[in-house]
Protein backbone atom coordinates (compact mmCIF):
# COMPACT_ATOMS: atom_id res chain seq x y z
CA MET A 1 101.99 74.65 105.43
CA GLN A 2 105.14 74.67 107.45
CA ILE A 3 107.72 71.91 107.29
CA VAL A 4 110.90 71.23 109.16
CA LEU A 5 113.71 69.83 107.08
CA PRO A 6 116.34 67.52 108.47
CA PRO A 7 119.70 69.29 108.74
CA GLU A 8 121.22 67.41 105.78
CA VAL A 9 118.30 68.39 103.52
CA GLU A 10 118.47 71.95 104.70
CA ALA A 11 122.19 72.00 103.89
CA LEU A 12 121.47 70.66 100.37
CA VAL A 13 118.89 73.32 99.82
CA GLN A 14 121.31 75.99 101.01
CA ARG A 15 124.08 74.63 98.71
CA GLN A 16 121.72 74.89 95.74
CA ILE A 17 120.93 78.50 96.58
CA THR A 18 124.57 79.37 97.16
CA SER A 19 125.50 77.82 93.78
CA GLY A 20 123.24 80.38 92.13
CA LYS A 21 121.16 77.75 90.47
CA TYR A 22 118.11 78.68 92.56
CA GLN A 23 117.12 81.99 94.07
CA ASN A 24 115.46 80.67 97.21
CA ALA A 25 114.36 77.57 99.12
CA ILE A 26 110.91 77.54 97.48
CA ALA A 27 112.51 77.27 94.07
CA VAL A 28 114.64 74.28 95.20
CA ILE A 29 111.61 72.55 96.74
CA LEU A 30 109.50 73.14 93.63
CA ALA A 31 112.26 71.65 91.45
CA GLY A 32 112.28 68.54 93.67
CA VAL A 33 108.50 68.23 93.53
CA LYS A 34 108.51 68.53 89.74
CA LEU A 35 111.19 65.83 89.51
CA LEU A 36 109.06 63.59 91.74
CA GLU A 37 106.05 64.20 89.51
CA GLN A 38 108.11 63.27 86.43
CA GLN A 39 109.28 60.08 88.04
CA GLU A 40 105.66 59.18 88.94
CA ASP A 41 104.60 59.80 85.35
CA ILE A 42 107.38 57.53 84.08
CA TYR A 43 106.46 54.87 86.60
CA GLN A 44 102.77 55.03 85.65
CA GLY A 45 103.65 54.75 81.94
CA ARG A 46 105.83 51.72 82.55
CA LEU A 47 103.20 50.10 84.72
CA GLN A 48 100.57 50.57 82.01
CA ASP A 49 102.97 49.05 79.45
CA LEU A 50 103.55 46.02 81.67
CA GLN A 51 99.85 45.59 82.32
CA GLN A 52 99.16 45.75 78.60
CA ASP A 53 101.92 43.22 77.92
CA ALA A 54 100.45 40.89 80.57
CA ARG A 55 97.01 41.11 78.95
CA ILE A 56 98.46 40.30 75.49
CA GLY A 57 100.78 37.53 76.50
């Protein structure tokens, strides 16, 4: 898969690499994908809690 990043996103990726926090663009992208996955998990958990509350009350 090949993707083209908007210039501002490409600059962000480059800043992360330059800071030394990540070794390459793939590592930055993977960190972002993991964060997205964590947010989705949190959202699903909250949604299930709300659905349970709605069934109870």
